[in-house]
Amino acid sequence: MKKITFVVSIMLMLFTFQTIAEAASISTRVRILEGKVYKQSKLIKQQARQNRSYSKELKNGLKDIEQLKLEVKDFIRQQEANKKKKKTFKDHRYSFP
């Protein structure tokens, strides 16, 4: 009988130690995964900030381009107006033949 109780107690101890080892292994894995998740979230936040700054720069650049387009259109209108003035100007001064 002592042999059976001894074997049973050893089996119970093995199961107990196995569950403790598994729990330790799981907690270690959880810590490792938490570290990886933290690094990834940090990287994602950094990329989001970078994307926001790039989009802000892009919007500013597009505004500048639109402003330059308007300036070019105004310049073209002025040039056309000057050409019309030059074409319609006639010299009415009297000159000898």
PDB file of N, CA and C in Angstrom:
ATOM      1  N   MET A   1       0.812  -1.187   0.000  1.00  0.00           N
ATOM      2  CA  MET A   1       0.000   0.000   0.000  1.00  0.00           C
ATOM      3  C   MET A   1       0.854   1.249   0.000  1.00  0.00           C
ATOM      4  N   LYS A   2       1.938   1.201   0.664  1.00  0.00           N
ATOM      5  CA  LYS A   2       2.800   2.364   0.707  1.00  0.00           C
ATOM      6  C   LYS A   2       3.357   2.671  -0.670  1.00  0.00           C
ATOM      7  N   LYS A   3       3.576   1.633  -1.438  1.00  0.00           N
ATOM      8  CA  LYS A   3       4.116   1.831  -2.779  1.00  0.00           C
ATOM      9  C   LYS A   3       3.102   2.575  -3.647  1.00  0.00           C
ATOM     10  N   ILE A   4       1.836   2.220  -3.548  1.00  0.00           N
ATOM     11  CA  ILE A   4       0.786   2.868  -4.337  1.00  0.00           C
ATOM     12  C   ILE A   4       0.620   4.320  -3.896  1.00  0.00           C
ATOM     13  N   THR A   5       0.591   4.574  -2.620  1.00  0.00           N
ATOM     14  CA  THR A   5       0.460   5.958  -2.142  1.00  0.00           C
ATOM     15  C   THR A   5       1.673   6.785  -2.551  1.00  0.00           C
ATOM     16  N   PHE A   6       2.832   6.164  -2.525  1.00  0.00           N
ATOM     17  CA  PHE A   6       4.048   6.863  -2.943  1.00  0.00           C
ATOM     18  C   PHE A   6       3.969   7.222  -4.433  1.00  0.00           C
ATOM     19  N   VAL A   7       3.534   6.272  -5.255  1.00  0.00           N
ATOM     20  CA  VAL A   7       3.415   6.514  -6.697  1.00  0.00           C
ATOM     21  C   VAL A   7       2.344   7.581  -6.962  1.00  0.00           C
ATOM     22  N   VAL A   8       1.236   7.489  -6.258  1.00  0.00           N
ATOM     23  CA  VAL A   8       0.163   8.474  -6.436  1.00  0.00           C
ATOM     24  C   VAL A   8       0.637   9.856  -6.022  1.00  0.00           C
ATOM     25  N   SER A   9       1.336   9.944  -4.907  1.00  0.00           N
ATOM     26  CA  SER A   9       1.820  11.253  -4.448  1.00  0.00           C
ATOM     27  C   SER A   9       2.847  11.822  -5.428  1.00  0.00           C
ATOM     28  N   ILE A  10       3.711  10.980  -5.986  1.00  0.00           N
ATOM     29  CA  ILE A  10       4.687  11.447  -6.984  1.00  0.00           C
ATOM     30  C   ILE A  10       3.954  11.924  -8.237  1.00  0.00           C
ATOM     31  N   MET A  11       2.926  11.198  -8.652  1.00  0.00           N
ATOM     32  CA  MET A  11       2.159  11.606  -9.831  1.00  0.00           C
ATOM     33  C   MET A  11       1.476  12.955  -9.589  1.00  0.00           C
ATOM     34  N   LEU A  12       0.904  13.124  -8.396  1.00  0.00           N
ATOM     35  CA  LEU A  12       0.271  14.403  -8.066  1.00  0.00           C
ATOM     36  C   LEU A  12       1.294  15.537  -8.063  1.00  0.00           C
ATOM     37  N   MET A  13       2.463  15.276  -7.525  1.00  0.00           N
ATOM     38  CA  MET A  13       3.519  16.297  -7.507  1.00  0.00           C
ATOM     39  C   MET A  13       3.948  16.636  -8.930  1.00  0.00           C
ATOM     40  N   LEU A  14       4.073  15.619  -9.779  1.00  0.00           N
ATOM     41  CA  LEU A  14       4.456  15.883 -11.168  1.00  0.00           C
ATOM     42  C   LEU A  14       3.405  16.732 -11.885  1.00  0.00           C
ATOM     43  N   PHE A  15       2.131  16.383 -11.687  1.00  0.00           N
ATOM     44  CA  PHE A  15       1.079  17.189 -12.301  1.00  0.00           C
ATOM     45  C   PHE A  15       1.097  18.618 -11.771  1.00  0.00           C
ATOM     46  N   THR A  16       1.311  18.754 -10.469  1.00  0.00           N
ATOM     47  CA  THR A  16       1.366  20.089  -9.866  1.00  0.00           C
ATOM     48  C   THR A  16       2.532  20.884 -10.429  1.00  0.00           C
ATOM     49  N   PHE A  17       3.706  20.284 -10.466  1.00  0.00           N
ATOM     50  CA  PHE A  17       4.878  20.991 -10.998  1.00  0.00           C
ATOM     51  C   PHE A  17       4.725  21.288 -12.494  1.00  0.00           C
ATOM     52  N   GLN A  18       4.060  20.377 -13.198  1.00  0.00           N
ATOM     53  CA  GLN A  18       3.855  20.603 -14.628  1.00  0.00           C
ATOM     54  C   GLN A  18       2.954  21.820 -14.846  1.00  0.00           C
ATOM     55  N   THR A  19       1.878  21.922 -14.070  1.00  0.00           N
ATOM     56  CA  THR A  19       0.995  23.083 -14.222  1.00  0.00           C
ATOM     57  C   THR A  19       1.703  24.362 -13.814  1.00  0.00           C
ATOM     58  N   ILE A  20       2.542  24.289 -12.795  1.00  0.00           N
ATOM     59  CA  ILE A  20       3.317  25.471 -12.388  1.00  0.00           C
ATOM     60  C   ILE A  20       4.287  25.865 -13.494  1.00  0.00           C
ATOM     61  N   ALA A  21       4.949  24.882 -14.090  1.00  0.00           N
ATOM     62  CA  ALA A  21       5.889  25.161 -15.178  1.00  0.00           C
ATOM     63  C   ALA A  21       5.155  25.733 -16.387  1.00  0.00           C
ATOM     64  N   GLU A  22       3.989  25.174 -16.692  1.00  0.00           N
ATOM     65  CA  GLU A  22       3.213  25.708 -17.811  1.00  0.00           C
ATOM     66  C   GLU A  22       2.769  27.139 -17.537  1.00  0.00           C
ATOM     67  N   ALA A  23       2.352  27.402 -16.311  1.00  0.00           N
ATOM     68  CA  ALA A  23       1.932  28.758 -15.958  1.00  0.00           C
ATOM     69  C   ALA A  23       3.104  29.727 -16.077  1.00  0.00           C
ATOM     70  N   ALA A  24       4.275  29.306 -15.627  1.00  0.00           N
ATOM     71  CA  ALA A  24       5.456  30.158 -15.746  1.00  0.00           C
ATOM     72  C   ALA A  24       5.800  30.379 -17.211  1.00  0.00           C
ATOM     73  N   SER A  25       5.684  29.340 -17.993  1.00  0.00           N
ATOM     74  CA  SER A  25       5.959  29.454 -19.417  1.00  0.00           C
ATOM     75  C   SER A  25       4.960  30.395 -20.084  1.00  0.00           C
ATOM     76  N   ILE A  26       3.708  30.267 -19.717  1.00  0.00           N
ATOM     77  CA  ILE A  26       2.677  31.134 -20.289  1.00  0.00           C
ATOM     78  C   ILE A  26       2.916  32.578 -19.884  1.00  0.00           C
ATOM     79  N   SER A  27       3.228  32.809 -18.614  1.00  0.00           N
ATOM     80  CA  SER A  27       3.449  34.189 -18.175  1.00  0.00           C
ATOM     81  C   SER A  27       4.670  34.787 -18.862  1.00  0.00           C
ATOM     82  N   THR A  28       5.689  33.961 -19.103  1.00  0.00           N
ATOM     83  CA  THR A  28       6.863  34.447 -19.830  1.00  0.00           C
ATOM     84  C   THR A  28       6.482  34.800 -21.259  1.00  0.00           C
ATOM     85  N   ARG A  29       5.710  33.954 -21.883  1.00  0.00           N
ATOM     86  CA  ARG A  29       5.262  34.232 -23.252  1.00  0.00           C
ATOM     87  C   ARG A  29       4.407  35.493 -23.301  1.00  0.00           C
ATOM     88  N   VAL A  30       3.564  35.653 -22.294  1.00  0.00           N
ATOM     89  CA  VAL A  30       2.713  36.840 -22.244  1.00  0.00           C
ATOM     90  C   VAL A  30       3.572  38.091 -22.138  1.00  0.00           C
ATOM     91  N   ARG A  31       4.582  38.071 -21.293  1.00  0.00           N
ATOM     92  CA  ARG A  31       5.472  39.235 -21.158  1.00  0.00           C
ATOM     93  C   ARG A  31       6.189  39.528 -22.464  1.00  0.00           C
ATOM     94  N   ILE A  32       6.650  38.489 -23.122  1.00  0.00           N
ATOM     95  CA  ILE A  32       7.344  38.679 -24.408  1.00  0.00           C
ATOM     96  C   ILE A  32       6.386  39.276 -25.435  1.00  0.00           C
ATOM     97  N   LEU A  33       5.174  38.720 -25.490  1.00  0.00           N
ATOM     98  CA  LEU A  33       4.188  39.237 -26.445  1.00  0.00           C
ATOM     99  C   LEU A  33       3.768  40.665 -26.107  1.00  0.00           C
ATOM    100  N   GLU A  34       3.639  40.970 -24.819  1.00  0.00           N
ATOM    101  CA  GLU A  34       3.308  42.339 -24.426  1.00  0.00           C
ATOM    102  C   GLU A  34       4.398  43.301 -24.874  1.00  0.00           C
ATOM    103  N   GLY A  35       5.649  42.888 -24.743  1.00  0.00           N
ATOM    104  CA  GLY A  35       6.763  43.724 -25.200  1.00  0.00           C
ATOM    105  C   GLY A  35       6.708  43.959 -26.700  1.00  0.00           C
ATOM    106  N   LYS A  36       6.412  42.906 -27.447  1.00  0.00           N
ATOM    107  CA  LYS A  36       6.315  43.046 -28.905  1.00  0.00           C
ATOM    108  C   LYS A  36       5.151  43.956 -29.293  1.00  0.00           C
ATOM    109  N   VAL A  37       4.024  43.783 -28.621  1.00  0.00           N
ATOM    110  CA  VAL A  37       2.857  44.616 -28.909  1.00  0.00           C
ATOM    111  C   VAL A  37       3.164  46.075 -28.592  1.00  0.00           C
ATOM    112  N   TYR A  38       3.852  46.334 -27.489  1.00  0.00           N
ATOM    113  CA  TYR A  38       4.212  47.702 -27.119  1.00  0.00           C
ATOM    114  C   TYR A  38       5.108  48.326 -28.185  1.00  0.00           C
ATOM    115  N   LYS A  39       6.091  47.562 -28.652  1.00  0.00           N
ATOM    116  CA  LYS A  39       6.990  48.084 -29.685  1.00  0.00           C
ATOM    117  C   LYS A  39       6.226  48.386 -30.968  1.00  0.00           C
ATOM    118  N   GLN A  40       5.326  47.488 -31.342  1.00  0.00           N
ATOM    119  CA  GLN A  40       4.542  47.698 -32.557  1.00  0.00           C
ATOM    120  C   GLN A  40       3.620  48.911 -32.425  1.00  0.00           C
ATOM    121  N   SER A  41       2.979  49.057 -31.275  1.00  0.00           N
ATOM    122  CA  SER A  41       2.081  50.201 -31.091  1.00  0.00           C
ATOM    123  C   SER A  41       2.864  51.506 -31.095  1.00  0.00           C
ATOM    124  N   LYS A  42       4.056  51.481 -30.523  1.00  0.00           N
ATOM    125  CA  LYS A  42       4.916  52.665 -30.532  1.00  0.00           C
ATOM    126  C   LYS A  42       5.298  53.022 -31.969  1.00  0.00           C
ATOM    127  N   LEU A  43       5.639  52.028 -32.762  1.00  0.00           N
ATOM    128  CA  LEU A  43       6.001  52.241 -34.160  1.00  0.00           C
ATOM    129  C   LEU A  43       4.809  52.759 -34.962  1.00  0.00           C
ATOM    130  N   ILE A  44       3.639  52.215 -34.709  1.00  0.00           N
ATOM    131  CA  ILE A  44       2.430  52.655 -35.416  1.00  0.00           C
ATOM    132  C   ILE A  44       2.115  54.107 -35.073  1.00  0.00           C
ATOM    133  N   LYS A  45       2.234  54.477 -33.807  1.00  0.00           N
ATOM    134  CA  LYS A  45       1.984  55.865 -33.411  1.00  0.00           C
ATOM    135  C   LYS A  45       2.977  56.804 -34.073  1.00  0.00           C
ATOM    136  N   GLN A  46       4.234  56.395 -34.137  1.00  0.00           N
ATOM    137  CA  GLN A  46       5.257  57.219 -34.778  1.00  0.00           C
ATOM    138  C   GLN A  46       4.942  57.395 -36.266  1.00  0.00           C
ATOM    139  N   GLN A  47       4.551  56.328 -36.927  1.00  0.00           N
ATOM    140  CA  GLN A  47       4.209  56.414 -38.344  1.00  0.00           C
ATOM    141  C   GLN A  47       2.971  57.277 -38.563  1.00  0.00           C
ATOM    142  N   ALA A  48       2.020  57.222 -37.647  1.00  0.00           N
ATOM    143  CA  ALA A  48       0.818  58.054 -37.766  1.00  0.00           C
ATOM    144  C   ALA A  48       1.189  59.532 -37.645  1.00  0.00           C
ATOM    145  N   ARG A  49       2.075  59.858 -36.693  1.00  0.00           N
ATOM    146  CA  ARG A  49       2.539  61.247 -36.566  1.00  0.00           C
ATOM    147  C   ARG A  49       3.253  61.688 -37.831  1.00  0.00           C
ATOM    148  N   GLN A  50       4.079  60.816 -38.363  1.00  0.00           N
ATOM    149  CA  GLN A  50       4.820  61.134 -39.581  1.00  0.00           C
ATOM    150  C   GLN A  50       3.861  61.338 -40.759  1.00  0.00           C
ATOM    151  N   ASN A  51       2.851  60.498 -40.864  1.00  0.00           N
ATOM    152  CA  ASN A  51       1.857  60.642 -41.935  1.00  0.00           C
ATOM    153  C   ASN A  51       1.102  61.957 -41.810  1.00  0.00           C
ATOM    154  N   ARG A  52       0.756  62.343 -40.575  1.00  0.00           N
ATOM    155  CA  ARG A  52       0.064  63.618 -40.381  1.00  0.00           C
ATOM    156  C   ARG A  52       0.941  64.788 -40.802  1.00  0.00           C
ATOM    157  N   SER A  53       2.225  64.736 -40.456  1.00  0.00           N
ATOM    158  CA  SER A  53       3.112  65.836 -40.842  1.00  0.00           C
ATOM    159  C   SER A  53       3.295  65.871 -42.355  1.00  0.00           C
ATOM    160  N   TYR A  54       3.392  64.700 -42.994  1.00  0.00           N
ATOM    161  CA  TYR A  54       3.525  64.666 -44.449  1.00  0.00           C
ATOM    162  C   TYR A  54       2.266  65.207 -45.127  1.00  0.00           C
ATOM    163  N   SER A  55       1.109  64.841 -44.611  1.00  0.00           N
ATOM    164  CA  SER A  55      -0.132  65.327 -45.218  1.00  0.00           C
ATOM    165  C   SER A  55      -0.270  66.831 -45.024  1.00  0.00           C
ATOM    166  N   LYS A  56       0.184  67.338 -43.884  1.00  0.00           N
ATOM    167  CA  LYS A  56       0.151  68.782 -43.659  1.00  0.00           C
ATOM    168  C   LYS A  56       1.064  69.491 -44.651  1.00  0.00           C
ATOM    169  N   GLU A  57       2.263  68.958 -44.860  1.00  0.00           N
ATOM    170  CA  GLU A  57       3.188  69.542 -45.833  1.00  0.00           C
ATOM    171  C   GLU A  57       2.598  69.475 -47.242  1.00  0.00           C
ATOM    172  N   LEU A  58       1.953  68.370 -47.555  1.00  0.00           N
ATOM    173  CA  LEU A  58       1.338  68.209 -48.871  1.00  0.00           C
ATOM    174  C   LEU A  58       0.228  69.235 -49.086  1.00  0.00           C
ATOM    175  N   LYS A  59      -0.601  69.438 -48.076  1.00  0.00           N
ATOM    176  CA  LYS A  59      -1.674  70.428 -48.187  1.00  0.00           C
ATOM    177  C   LYS A  59      -1.102  71.825 -48.380  1.00  0.00           C
ATOM    178  N   ASN A  60      -0.048  72.151 -47.624  1.00  0.00           N
ATOM    179  CA  ASN A  60       0.578  73.463 -47.785  1.00  0.00           C
ATOM    180  C   ASN A  60       1.149  73.614 -49.188  1.00  0.00           C
ATOM    181  N   GLY A  61       1.768  72.574 -49.703  1.00  0.00           N
ATOM    182  CA  GLY A  61       2.319  72.608 -51.054  1.00  0.00           C
ATOM    183  C   GLY A  61       1.232  72.799 -52.097  1.00  0.00           C
ATOM    184  N   LEU A  62       0.103  72.116 -51.918  1.00  0.00           N
ATOM    185  CA  LEU A  62      -1.013  72.266 -52.859  1.00  0.00           C
ATOM    186  C   LEU A  62      -1.594  73.677 -52.810  1.00  0.00           C
ATOM    187  N   LYS A  63      -1.653  74.260 -51.612  1.00  0.00           N
ATOM    188  CA  LYS A  63      -2.124  75.642 -51.502  1.00  0.00           C
ATOM    189  C   LYS A  63      -1.193  76.579 -52.251  1.00  0.00           C
ATOM    190  N   ASP A  64       0.110  76.364 -52.099  1.00  0.00           N
ATOM    191  CA  ASP A  64       1.086  77.192 -52.811  1.00  0.00           C
ATOM    192  C   ASP A  64       0.926  77.049 -54.319  1.00  0.00           C
ATOM    193  N   ILE A  65       0.705  75.833 -54.777  1.00  0.00           N
ATOM    194  CA  ILE A  65       0.529  75.599 -56.216  1.00  0.00           C
ATOM    195  C   ILE A  65      -0.719  76.317 -56.721  1.00  0.00           C
ATOM    196  N   GLU A  66      -1.807  76.235 -55.978  1.00  0.00           N
ATOM    197  CA  GLU A  66      -3.037  76.920 -56.386  1.00  0.00           C
ATOM    198  C   GLU A  66      -2.825  78.430 -56.435  1.00  0.00           C
ATOM    199  N   GLN A  67      -2.101  78.949 -55.460  1.00  0.00           N
ATOM    200  CA  GLN A  67      -1.819  80.381 -55.442  1.00  0.00           C
ATOM    201  C   GLN A  67      -0.974  80.771 -56.658  1.00  0.00           C
ATOM    202  N   LEU A  68       0.009  79.967 -56.981  1.00  0.00           N
ATOM    203  CA  LEU A  68       0.838  80.251 -58.152  1.00  0.00           C
ATOM    204  C   LEU A  68       0.024  80.166 -59.443  1.00  0.00           C
ATOM    205  N   LYS A  69      -0.907  79.230 -59.519  1.00  0.00           N
ATOM    206  CA  LYS A  69      -1.774  79.132 -60.696  1.00  0.00           C
ATOM    207  C   LYS A  69      -2.566  80.422 -60.881  1.00  0.00           C
ATOM    208  N   LEU A  70      -3.113  80.929 -59.783  1.00  0.00           N
ATOM    209  CA  LEU A  70      -3.877  82.171 -59.864  1.00  0.00           C
ATOM    210  C   LEU A  70      -2.993  83.332 -60.309  1.00  0.00           C
ATOM    211  N   GLU A  71      -1.776  83.384 -59.787  1.00  0.00           N
ATOM    212  CA  GLU A  71      -0.855  84.448 -60.183  1.00  0.00           C
ATOM    213  C   GLU A  71      -0.518  84.352 -61.668  1.00  0.00           C
ATOM    214  N   VAL A  72      -0.328  83.153 -62.170  1.00  0.00           N
ATOM    215  CA  VAL A  72      -0.022  82.968 -63.594  1.00  0.00           C
ATOM    216  C   VAL A  72      -1.214  83.395 -64.443  1.00  0.00           C
ATOM    217  N   LYS A  73      -2.428  83.027 -64.032  1.00  0.00           N
ATOM    218  CA  LYS A  73      -3.622  83.435 -64.772  1.00  0.00           C
ATOM    219  C   LYS A  73      -3.743  84.956 -64.807  1.00  0.00           C
ATOM    220  N   ASP A  74      -3.500  85.600 -63.665  1.00  0.00           N
ATOM    221  CA  ASP A  74      -3.544  87.063 -63.630  1.00  0.00           C
ATOM    222  C   ASP A  74      -2.491  87.659 -64.551  1.00  0.00           C
ATOM    223  N   PHE A  75      -1.305  87.098 -64.543  1.00  0.00           N
ATOM    224  CA  PHE A  75      -0.232  87.593 -65.401  1.00  0.00           C
ATOM    225  C   PHE A  75      -0.600  87.446 -66.877  1.00  0.00           C
ATOM    226  N   ILE A  76      -1.185  86.303 -67.240  1.00  0.00           N
ATOM    227  CA  ILE A  76      -1.599  86.075 -68.634  1.00  0.00           C
ATOM    228  C   ILE A  76      -2.677  87.080 -69.027  1.00  0.00           C
ATOM    229  N   ARG A  77      -3.639  87.336 -68.147  1.00  0.00           N
ATOM    230  CA  ARG A  77      -4.683  88.329 -68.423  1.00  0.00           C
ATOM    231  C   ARG A  77      -4.075  89.714 -68.633  1.00  0.00           C
ATOM    232  N   GLN A  78      -3.107  90.061 -67.805  1.00  0.00           N
ATOM    233  CA  GLN A  78      -2.452  91.362 -67.952  1.00  0.00           C
ATOM    234  C   GLN A  78      -1.713  91.447 -69.280  1.00  0.00           C
ATOM    235  N   GLN A  79      -1.041  90.377 -69.660  1.00  0.00           N
ATOM    236  CA  GLN A  79      -0.321  90.373 -70.936  1.00  0.00           C
ATOM    237  C   GLN A  79      -1.290  90.520 -72.108  1.00  0.00           C
ATOM    238  N   GLU A  80      -2.408  89.815 -72.047  1.00  0.00           N
ATOM    239  CA  GLU A  80      -3.405  89.926 -73.110  1.00  0.00           C
ATOM    240  C   GLU A  80      -3.994  91.328 -73.164  1.00  0.00           C
ATOM    241  N   ALA A  81      -4.227  91.926 -72.008  1.00  0.00           N
ATOM    242  CA  ALA A  81      -4.754  93.294 -71.973  1.00  0.00           C
ATOM    243  C   ALA A  81      -3.738  94.261 -72.569  1.00  0.00           C
ATOM    244  N   ASN A  82      -2.458  94.068 -72.279  1.00  0.00           N
ATOM    245  CA  ASN A  82      -1.417  94.932 -72.843  1.00  0.00           C
ATOM    246  C   ASN A  82      -1.339  94.766 -74.357  1.00  0.00           C
ATOM    247  N   LYS A  83      -1.496  93.570 -74.862  1.00  0.00           N
ATOM    248  CA  LYS A  83      -1.471  93.336 -76.310  1.00  0.00           C
ATOM    249  C   LYS A  83      -2.635  94.044 -76.986  1.00  0.00           C
ATOM    250  N   LYS A  84      -3.815  93.982 -76.362  1.00  0.00           N
ATOM    251  CA  LYS A  84      -4.986  94.645 -76.930  1.00  0.00           C
ATOM    252  C   LYS A  84      -4.779  96.153 -76.961  1.00  0.00           C
ATOM    253  N   LYS A  85      -4.178  96.684 -75.919  1.00  0.00           N
ATOM    254  CA  LYS A  85      -3.920  98.125 -75.878  1.00  0.00           C
ATOM    255  C   LYS A  85      -2.955  98.519 -76.984  1.00  0.00           C
ATOM    256  N   LYS A  86      -1.938  97.725 -77.188  1.00  0.00           N
ATOM    257  CA  LYS A  86      -0.947  98.030 -78.216  1.00  0.00           C
ATOM    258  C   LYS A  86      -1.562  97.944 -79.608  1.00  0.00           C
ATOM    259  N   LYS A  87      -2.444  97.001 -79.834  1.00  0.00           N
ATOM    260  CA  LYS A  87      -3.070  96.844 -81.146  1.00  0.00           C
ATOM    261  C   LYS A  87      -4.026  97.993 -81.442  1.00  0.00           C
ATOM    262  N   THR A  88      -4.728  98.456 -80.459  1.00  0.00           N
ATOM    263  CA  THR A  88      -5.712  99.506 -80.682  1.00  0.00           C
ATOM    264  C   THR A  88      -5.089 100.893 -80.705  1.00  0.00           C
ATOM    265  N   PHE A  89      -3.877 101.039 -80.271  1.00  0.00           N
ATOM    266  CA  PHE A  89      -3.236 102.354 -80.250  1.00  0.00           C
ATOM    267  C   PHE A  89      -2.808 102.732 -81.663  1.00  0.00           C
ATOM    268  N   LYS A  90      -3.311 103.883 -82.119  1.00  0.00           N
ATOM    269  CA  LYS A  90      -2.922 104.400 -83.432  1.00  0.00           C
ATOM    270  C   LYS A  90      -2.247 105.742 -83.220  1.00  0.00           C
ATOM    271  N   ASP A  91      -1.249 105.961 -84.001  1.00  0.00           N
ATOM    272  CA  ASP A  91      -0.527 107.228 -83.907  1.00  0.00           C
ATOM    273  C   ASP A  91      -1.274 108.272 -84.736  1.00  0.00           C
ATOM    274  N   HIS A  92      -1.862 109.254 -84.082  1.00  0.00           N
ATOM    275  CA  HIS A  92      -2.641 110.284 -84.749  1.00  0.00           C
ATOM    276  C   HIS A  92      -1.853 111.581 -84.940  1.00  0.00           C
ATOM    277  N   ARG A  93      -0.578 111.530 -84.749  1.00  0.00           N
ATOM    278  CA  ARG A  93       0.221 112.732 -84.958  1.00  0.00           C
ATOM    279  C   ARG A  93       0.362 113.006 -86.451  1.00  0.00           C
ATOM    280  N   TYR A  94       0.489 114.253 -86.742  1.00  0.00           N
ATOM    281  CA  TYR A  94       0.646 114.653 -88.139  1.00  0.00           C
ATOM    282  C   TYR A  94       2.101 114.542 -88.523  1.00  0.00           C
ATOM    283  N   SER A  95       2.356 113.986 -89.688  1.00  0.00           N
ATOM    284  CA  SER A  95       3.729 113.916 -90.174  1.00  0.00           C
ATOM    285  C   SER A  95       3.766 114.363 -91.623  1.00  0.00           C
ATOM    286  N   PHE A  96       4.866 114.948 -92.008  1.00  0.00           N
ATOM    287  CA  PHE A  96       5.015 115.386 -93.394  1.00  0.00           C
ATOM    288  C   PHE A  96       5.317 114.199 -94.274  1.00  0.00           C
ATOM    289  N   PRO A  97       4.786 114.293 -95.536  1.00  0.00           N
ATOM    290  CA  PRO A  97       5.064 113.191 -96.451  1.00  0.00           C
ATOM    291  C   PRO A  97       6.452 113.182 -97.026  1.00  0.00           C
TER     292      PRO A  97
END
